[in-house]
C-alpha atoms as a PDB file:
ATOM      1  CA  UNK A   1      21.088 -42.771-153.527  1.00  0.00           C
ATOM      2  CA  UNK A   2      18.745 -45.802-152.681  1.00  0.00           C
ATOM      3  CA  UNK A   3      19.485 -47.422-148.801  1.00  0.00           C
ATOM      4  CA  UNK A   4      18.729 -51.346-148.468  1.00  0.00           C
ATOM      5  CA  UNK A   5      15.896 -52.331-146.263  1.00  0.00           C
ATOM      6  CA  UNK A   6      15.967 -54.285-143.374  1.00  0.00           C
ATOM      7  CA  UNK A   7      15.419 -57.614-142.854  1.00  0.00           C
ATOM      8  CA  UNK A   8      11.957 -57.192-141.772  1.00  0.00           C
ATOM      9  CA  UNK A   9      10.988 -55.435-145.143  1.00  0.00           C
ATOM     10  CA  UNK A  10      12.067 -58.722-146.698  1.00  0.00           C
ATOM     11  CA  UNK A  11      10.590 -60.786-145.237  1.00  0.00           C
ATOM     12  CA  UNK A  12       7.333 -59.032-145.971  1.00  0.00           C
ATOM     13  CA  UNK A  13       8.181 -58.345-149.823  1.00  0.00           C
ATOM     14  CA  UNK A  14       9.526 -61.423-150.704  1.00  0.00           C
ATOM     15  CA  UNK A  15      10.923 -63.859-148.388  1.00  0.00           C
ATOM     16  CA  UNK A  16       8.114 -64.534-145.415  1.00  0.00           C
ATOM     17  CA  UNK A  17       5.321 -63.572-148.547  1.00  0.00           C
ATOM     18  CA  UNK A  18       3.076 -66.026-149.721  1.00  0.00           C
ATOM     19  CA  UNK A  19       0.362 -66.559-152.400  1.00  0.00           C
ATOM     20  CA  UNK A  20      -3.285 -66.936-150.441  1.00  0.00           C
ATOM     21  CA  UNK A  21      -6.611 -68.329-151.990  1.00  0.00           C
ATOM     22  CA  UNK A  22      -8.763 -68.208-148.876  1.00  0.00           C
ATOM     23  CA  UNK A  23      -8.967 -65.312-146.728  1.00  0.00           C
ATOM     24  CA  UNK A  24     -10.126 -63.983-143.559  1.00  0.00           C
ATOM     25  CA  UNK A  25     -13.136 -61.820-143.250  1.00  0.00           C
ATOM     26  CA  UNK A  26     -11.339 -59.050-143.060  1.00  0.00           C
ATOM     27  CA  UNK A  27     -12.751 -56.033-145.648  1.00  0.00           C
ATOM     28  CA  UNK A  28      -9.914 -53.953-147.565  1.00  0.00           C
ATOM     29  CA  UNK A  29     -10.897 -50.627-147.681  1.00  0.00           C
ATOM     30  CA  UNK A  30     -11.222 -47.761-150.181  1.00  0.00           C
ATOM     31  CA  UNK A  31      -8.411 -45.764-148.846  1.00  0.00           C
ATOM     32  CA  UNK A  32      -5.797 -48.764-148.697  1.00  0.00           C
ATOM     33  CA  UNK A  33      -6.542 -49.477-152.714  1.00  0.00           C
ATOM     34  CA  UNK A  34      -5.617 -45.741-153.289  1.00  0.00           C
ATOM     35  CA  UNK A  35      -2.974 -45.752-151.041  1.00  0.00           C
ATOM     36  CA  UNK A  36      -2.168 -48.951-152.993  1.00  0.00           C
ATOM     37  CA  UNK A  37      -1.574 -47.312-155.956  1.00  0.00           C
ATOM     38  CA  UNK A  38      -0.515 -44.084-154.818  1.00  0.00           C
ATOM     39  CA  UNK A  39       2.621 -46.416-154.261  1.00  0.00           C
ATOM     40  CA  UNK A  40       2.957 -48.563-157.628  1.00  0.00           C
ATOM     41  CA  UNK A  41       2.345 -45.595-159.759  1.00  0.00           C
ATOM     42  CA  UNK A  42       5.959 -44.238-158.765  1.00  0.00           C
ATOM     43  CA  UNK A  43       7.564 -47.523-160.109  1.00  0.00           C
ATOM     44  CA  UNK A  44       9.466 -47.209-163.748  1.00  0.00           C
ATOM     45  CA  UNK A  45       7.718 -47.874-166.701  1.00  0.00           C
ATOM     46  CA  UNK A  46       9.312 -47.789-170.469  1.00  0.00           C
ATOM     47  CA  UNK A  47       9.042 -43.797-171.768  1.00  0.00           C
ATOM     48  CA  UNK A  48       6.631 -43.140-168.388  1.00  0.00           C
ATOM     49  CA  UNK A  49       3.549 -44.721-170.417  1.00  0.00           C
ATOM     50  CA  UNK A  50       1.715 -46.175-167.499  1.00  0.00           C
ATOM     51  CA  UNK A  51      -0.118 -48.205-169.237  1.00  0.00           C
ATOM     52  CA  UNK A  52      -1.877 -50.704-167.372  1.00  0.00           C
ATOM     53  CA  UNK A  53      -5.434 -49.932-166.038  1.00  0.00           C
ATOM     54  CA  UNK A  54      -6.397 -51.471-162.861  1.00  0.00           C
ATOM     55  CA  UNK A  55     -10.302 -52.773-162.230  1.00  0.00           C
ATOM     56  CA  UNK A  56     -10.840 -53.275-158.648  1.00  0.00           C
ATOM     57  CA  UNK A  57     -13.885 -55.505-158.175  1.00  0.00           C
ATOM     58  CA  UNK A  58     -15.420 -54.942-153.979  1.00  0.00           C
ATOM     59  CA  UNK A  59     -18.760 -55.685-154.743  1.00  0.00           C
ATOM     60  CA  UNK A  60     -20.700 -58.725-155.178  1.00  0.00           C
ATOM     61  CA  UNK A  61     -22.426 -57.639-158.166  1.00  0.00           C
ATOM     62  CA  UNK A  62     -19.001 -57.031-159.722  1.00  0.00           C
ATOM     63  CA  UNK A  63     -17.416 -60.225-158.895  1.00  0.00           C
ATOM     64  CA  UNK A  64     -20.442 -62.518-160.471  1.00  0.00           C
ATOM     65  CA  UNK A  65     -19.710 -60.048-163.558  1.00  0.00           C
ATOM     66  CA  UNK A  66     -15.932 -61.582-163.120  1.00  0.00           C
ATOM     67  CA  UNK A  67     -17.751 -65.552-162.698  1.00  0.00           C
ATOM     68  CA  UNK A  68     -18.292 -66.577-165.888  1.00  0.00           C
ATOM     69  CA  UNK A  69     -14.756 -65.884-166.963  1.00  0.00           C
ATOM     70  CA  UNK A  70     -12.739 -67.343-164.479  1.00  0.00           C
ATOM     71  CA  UNK A  71     -11.342 -71.062-164.554  1.00  0.00           C
ATOM     72  CA  UNK A  72     -13.373 -73.977-161.973  1.00  0.00           C
ATOM     73  CA  UNK A  73     -10.122 -73.678-159.520  1.00  0.00           C
ATOM     74  CA  UNK A  74     -10.109 -69.999-159.663  1.00  0.00           C
ATOM     75  CA  UNK A  75     -13.765 -69.805-158.626  1.00  0.00           C
ATOM     76  CA  UNK A  76     -14.111 -69.909-155.330  1.00  0.00           C
ATOM     77  CA  UNK A  77     -10.807 -68.191-154.168  1.00  0.00           C
ATOM     78  CA  UNK A  78     -11.776 -65.120-156.350  1.00  0.00           C
ATOM     79  CA  UNK A  79     -15.153 -65.089-154.590  1.00  0.00           C
ATOM     80  CA  UNK A  80     -14.302 -64.966-151.327  1.00  0.00           C
ATOM     81  CA  UNK A  81     -11.342 -62.506-151.762  1.00  0.00           C
ATOM     82  CA  UNK A  82     -12.261 -59.141-150.482  1.00  0.00           C
ATOM     83  CA  UNK A  83     -10.968 -57.759-153.563  1.00  0.00           C
ATOM     84  CA  UNK A  84     -10.246 -59.140-156.819  1.00  0.00           C
ATOM     85  CA  UNK A  85      -7.943 -56.674-159.581  1.00  0.00           C
ATOM     86  CA  UNK A  86      -8.094 -57.194-162.925  1.00  0.00           C
ATOM     87  CA  UNK A  87      -4.871 -55.953-164.228  1.00  0.00           C
ATOM     88  CA  UNK A  88      -5.547 -54.472-167.668  1.00  0.00           C
ATOM     89  CA  UNK A  89      -3.463 -52.458-170.307  1.00  0.00           C
ATOM     90  CA  UNK A  90      -4.535 -49.460-172.320  1.00  0.00           C
ATOM     91  CA  UNK A  91      -3.363 -50.336-176.248  1.00  0.00           C
ATOM     92  CA  UNK A  92      -3.740 -46.374-176.334  1.00  0.00           C
ATOM     93  CA  UNK A  93      -1.564 -45.855-174.061  1.00  0.00           C
ATOM     94  CA  UNK A  94       0.671 -43.096-176.068  1.00  0.00           C
ATOM     95  CA  UNK A  95      -2.441 -40.711-176.117  1.00  0.00           C
ATOM     96  CA  UNK A  96      -1.252 -39.462-172.449  1.00  0.00           C
ATOM     97  CA  UNK A  97       2.083 -39.447-173.103  1.00  0.00           C
ATOM     98  CA  UNK A  98       2.352 -35.489-173.720  1.00  0.00           C
ATOM     99  CA  UNK A  99       1.559 -35.298-169.990  1.00  0.00           C
ATOM    100  CA  UNK A 100       3.411 -37.872-168.413  1.00  0.00           C
ATOM    101  CA  UNK A 101       6.568 -38.109-171.419  1.00  0.00           C
ATOM    102  CA  UNK A 102       6.369 -33.805-172.719  1.00  0.00           C
ATOM    103  CA  UNK A 103      10.057 -33.684-173.416  1.00  0.00           C
ATOM    104  CA  UNK A 104       9.131 -36.226-176.358  1.00  0.00           C
ATOM    105  CA  UNK A 105       6.848 -35.194-178.836  1.00  0.00           C
ATOM    106  CA  UNK A 106       7.634 -37.233-181.104  1.00  0.00           C
ATOM    107  CA  UNK A 107       6.945 -40.289-179.338  1.00  0.00           C
ATOM    108  CA  UNK A 108       3.244 -40.564-179.851  1.00  0.00           C
ATOM    109  CA  UNK A 109       3.694 -41.133-183.335  1.00  0.00           C
ATOM    110  CA  UNK A 110       6.024 -43.704-183.117  1.00  0.00           C
ATOM    111  CA  UNK A 111       3.390 -46.235-181.087  1.00  0.00           C
ATOM    112  CA  UNK A 112       0.433 -44.167-182.494  1.00  0.00           C
ATOM    113  CA  UNK A 113       1.553 -45.489-186.053  1.00  0.00           C
ATOM    114  CA  UNK A 114       2.675 -49.231-184.665  1.00  0.00           C
ATOM    115  CA  UNK A 115       0.040 -50.953-183.666  1.00  0.00           C
ATOM    116  CA  UNK A 116       2.059 -54.270-183.055  1.00  0.00           C
ATOM    117  CA  UNK A 117       4.961 -51.994-180.944  1.00  0.00           C
ATOM    118  CA  UNK A 118       2.092 -50.417-178.839  1.00  0.00           C
ATOM    119  CA  UNK A 119       1.029 -53.509-177.682  1.00  0.00           C
ATOM    120  CA  UNK A 120       3.844 -55.128-176.457  1.00  0.00           C
ATOM    121  CA  UNK A 121       4.448 -51.995-175.138  1.00  0.00           C
ATOM    122  CA  UNK A 122       2.008 -51.694-173.143  1.00  0.00           C
ATOM    123  CA  UNK A 123       1.434 -55.603-172.305  1.00  0.00           C
ATOM    124  CA  UNK A 124       4.820 -55.773-171.230  1.00  0.00           C
ATOM    125  CA  UNK A 125       4.828 -52.629-169.127  1.00  0.00           C
ATOM    126  CA  UNK A 126       1.091 -53.684-167.585  1.00  0.00           C
ATOM    127  CA  UNK A 127       3.153 -56.598-166.086  1.00  0.00           C
ATOM    128  CA  UNK A 128       5.483 -54.591-164.536  1.00  0.00           C
ATOM    129  CA  UNK A 129       3.028 -52.934-163.103  1.00  0.00           C
ATOM    130  CA  UNK A 130       0.876 -55.573-161.918  1.00  0.00           C
ATOM    131  CA  UNK A 131       4.092 -57.259-160.104  1.00  0.00           C
ATOM    132  CA  UNK A 132       4.214 -52.927-158.794  1.00  0.00           C
ATOM    133  CA  UNK A 133       0.691 -53.381-157.458  1.00  0.00           C
ATOM    134  CA  UNK A 134       1.966 -57.369-155.837  1.00  0.00           C
ATOM    135  CA  UNK A 135       4.993 -55.586-153.992  1.00  0.00           C
ATOM    136  CA  UNK A 136       3.180 -52.185-153.042  1.00  0.00           C
ATOM    137  CA  UNK A 137      -0.158 -54.400-151.392  1.00  0.00           C
ATOM    138  CA  UNK A 138       2.624 -56.651-149.273  1.00  0.00           C
ATOM    139  CA  UNK A 139       4.110 -53.249-148.289  1.00  0.00           C
ATOM    140  CA  UNK A 140       0.712 -52.359-146.998  1.00  0.00           C
ATOM    141  CA  UNK A 141       0.357 -55.027-144.755  1.00  0.00           C
ATOM    142  CA  UNK A 142      -2.087 -56.865-147.661  1.00  0.00           C
ATOM    143  CA  UNK A 143      -1.579 -60.789-149.209  1.00  0.00           C
ATOM    144  CA  UNK A 144      -2.154 -61.346-152.506  1.00  0.00           C
ATOM    145  CA  UNK A 145      -2.885 -64.104-154.314  1.00  0.00           C
ATOM    146  CA  UNK A 146      -1.964 -63.360-158.491  1.00  0.00           C
ATOM    147  CA  UNK A 147      -3.238 -65.889-161.043  1.00  0.00           C
ATOM    148  CA  UNK A 148      -3.997 -66.924-164.675  1.00  0.00           C
ATOM    149  CA  UNK A 149      -7.064 -69.574-165.182  1.00  0.00           C
ATOM    150  CA  UNK A 150      -9.426 -67.083-166.988  1.00  0.00           C
ATOM    151  CA  UNK A 151     -10.325 -66.233-170.576  1.00  0.00           C
ATOM    152  CA  UNK A 152      -9.357 -63.370-170.886  1.00  0.00           C
ATOM    153  CA  UNK A 153     -12.084 -62.529-174.017  1.00  0.00           C
ATOM    154  CA  UNK A 154     -14.574 -63.065-171.663  1.00  0.00           C
ATOM    155  CA  UNK A 155     -12.874 -60.101-168.940  1.00  0.00           C
ATOM    156  CA  UNK A 156     -12.458 -57.735-171.796  1.00  0.00           C
ATOM    157  CA  UNK A 157     -15.886 -58.182-173.014  1.00  0.00           C
ATOM    158  CA  UNK A 158     -17.339 -57.935-169.578  1.00  0.00           C
ATOM    159  CA  UNK A 159     -15.644 -54.876-168.270  1.00  0.00           C
ATOM    160  CA  UNK A 160     -13.213 -53.150-171.086  1.00  0.00           C
ATOM    161  CA  UNK A 161     -15.856 -53.658-174.085  1.00  0.00           C
ATOM    162  CA  UNK A 162     -17.085 -50.533-176.065  1.00  0.00           C
ATOM    163  CA  UNK A 163     -20.291 -49.142-174.123  1.00  0.00           C
ATOM    164  CA  UNK A 164     -18.310 -49.902-170.923  1.00  0.00           C
ATOM    165  CA  UNK A 165     -17.556 -47.208-168.184  1.00  0.00           C
ATOM    166  CA  UNK A 166     -14.185 -45.817-169.116  1.00  0.00           C
ATOM    167  CA  UNK A 167     -10.832 -45.350-167.139  1.00  0.00           C
ATOM    168  CA  UNK A 168     -10.584 -41.761-166.395  1.00  0.00           C
ATOM    169  CA  UNK A 169     -11.662 -40.405-170.195  1.00  0.00           C
ATOM    170  CA  UNK A 170     -13.483 -37.290-171.134  1.00  0.00           C
ATOM    171  CA  UNK A 171     -16.496 -39.266-172.092  1.00  0.00           C
ATOM    172  CA  UNK A 172     -18.504 -41.729-170.164  1.00  0.00           C
ATOM    173  CA  UNK A 173     -17.592 -45.490-171.938  1.00  0.00           C
ATOM    174  CA  UNK A 174     -15.531 -46.744-173.840  1.00  0.00           C
ATOM    175  CA  UNK A 175     -15.804 -45.890-178.324  1.00  0.00           C
ATOM    176  CA  UNK A 176     -14.372 -48.618-178.142  1.00  0.00           C
ATOM    177  CA  UNK A 177     -12.348 -51.979-176.438  1.00  0.00           C
ATOM    178  CA  UNK A 178      -8.771 -50.752-176.590  1.00  0.00           C
ATOM    179  CA  UNK A 179      -8.446 -51.865-173.244  1.00  0.00           C
ATOM    180  CA  UNK A 180      -7.191 -55.607-172.936  1.00  0.00           C
ATOM    181  CA  UNK A 181      -6.860 -57.797-169.531  1.00  0.00           C
ATOM    182  CA  UNK A 182      -2.997 -59.148-168.583  1.00  0.00           C
ATOM    183  CA  UNK A 183      -4.390 -61.110-165.759  1.00  0.00           C
ATOM    184  CA  UNK A 184      -6.023 -61.403-162.313  1.00  0.00           C
ATOM    185  CA  UNK A 185      -5.059 -60.596-158.512  1.00  0.00           C
ATOM    186  CA  UNK A 186      -7.177 -61.442-155.263  1.00  0.00           C
ATOM    187  CA  UNK A 187      -6.354 -59.192-152.341  1.00  0.00           C
ATOM    188  CA  UNK A 188      -6.789 -59.253-148.610  1.00  0.00           C
ATOM    189  CA  UNK A 189      -5.554 -60.246-145.421  1.00  0.00           C
ATOM    190  CA  UNK A 190      -4.854 -64.400-145.940  1.00  0.00           C
ATOM    191  CA  UNK A 191      -6.068 -67.021-144.197  1.00  0.00           C
ATOM    192  CA  UNK A 192      -2.470 -68.954-143.143  1.00  0.00           C
ATOM    193  CA  UNK A 193      -4.341 -71.998-142.414  1.00  0.00           C
ATOM    194  CA  UNK A 194      -4.574 -73.192-145.573  1.00  0.00           C
ATOM    195  CA  UNK A 195      -1.149 -72.717-146.689  1.00  0.00           C
ATOM    196  CA  UNK A 196       1.048 -75.038-148.176  1.00  0.00           C
ATOM    197  CA  UNK A 197       4.862 -75.600-147.588  1.00  0.00           C
ATOM    198  CA  UNK A 198       6.709 -73.305-149.572  1.00  0.00           C
ATOM    199  CA  UNK A 199       7.861 -74.915-152.569  1.00  0.00           C
ATOM    200  CA  UNK A 200      11.730 -74.806-153.874  1.00  0.00           C
ATOM    201  CA  UNK A 201      13.451 -71.881-155.907  1.00  0.00           C
ATOM    202  CA  UNK A 202      15.761 -72.337-158.521  1.00  0.00           C
ATOM    203  CA  UNK A 203      18.996 -71.581-157.185  1.00  0.00           C
ATOM    204  CA  UNK A 204      21.717 -68.866-158.728  1.00  0.00           C
ATOM    205  CA  UNK A 205      23.425 -71.399-160.570  1.00  0.00           C
ATOM    206  CA  UNK A 206      20.297 -72.501-162.265  1.00  0.00           C
ATOM    207  CA  UNK A 207      18.284 -69.195-163.016  1.00  0.00           C
ATOM    208  CA  UNK A 208      21.234 -66.356-163.529  1.00  0.00           C
ATOM    209  CA  UNK A 209      24.525 -65.532-165.529  1.00  0.00           C
ATOM    210  CA  UNK A 210      26.985 -63.428-164.478  1.00  0.00           C
ATOM    211  CA  UNK A 211      28.972 -61.865-167.898  1.00  0.00           C
END
């Protein structure tokens, strides 16, 4: 049974966490990114499907490949961030279900024969996993800058089209482009000098119902 975390943790994860657009010149190590994934992977997804795929862009060359897909207002903040994550989803995630959800063999056929269900499931759950990434990053002391404001078709063509390197598959390249971009998130150590006053949030009685 879970125990509540203390106020310091709640502040770091929620109450004092901010969206950053300017970054300190402090690198994020590859080990930190591995630790980040090793945290977020334990959070729940439908049928334990884990459809999200994460491309961590760390090098100048990788960032330049992303630049043409970015909206103008997102260019500087992204190019200066130590890491930009492409949170994507694999529409053939169900091929991993015999390993991830072995007690229900029929689940593969449920998605394999219904591409609309597969895509909606993949997109919804990869969105959850992207949120888990943000919380895991904050738990590890990183700051985040999640964003839309990009051309997903350009990102898919550059990073996930047929002939591009594959995520953990037997072949070196994607045989076809079945991984699609959901959203982007910059990671690093934020520069608080660029923060504006915190914007308001809706109160409970405007956003919630007790039924």
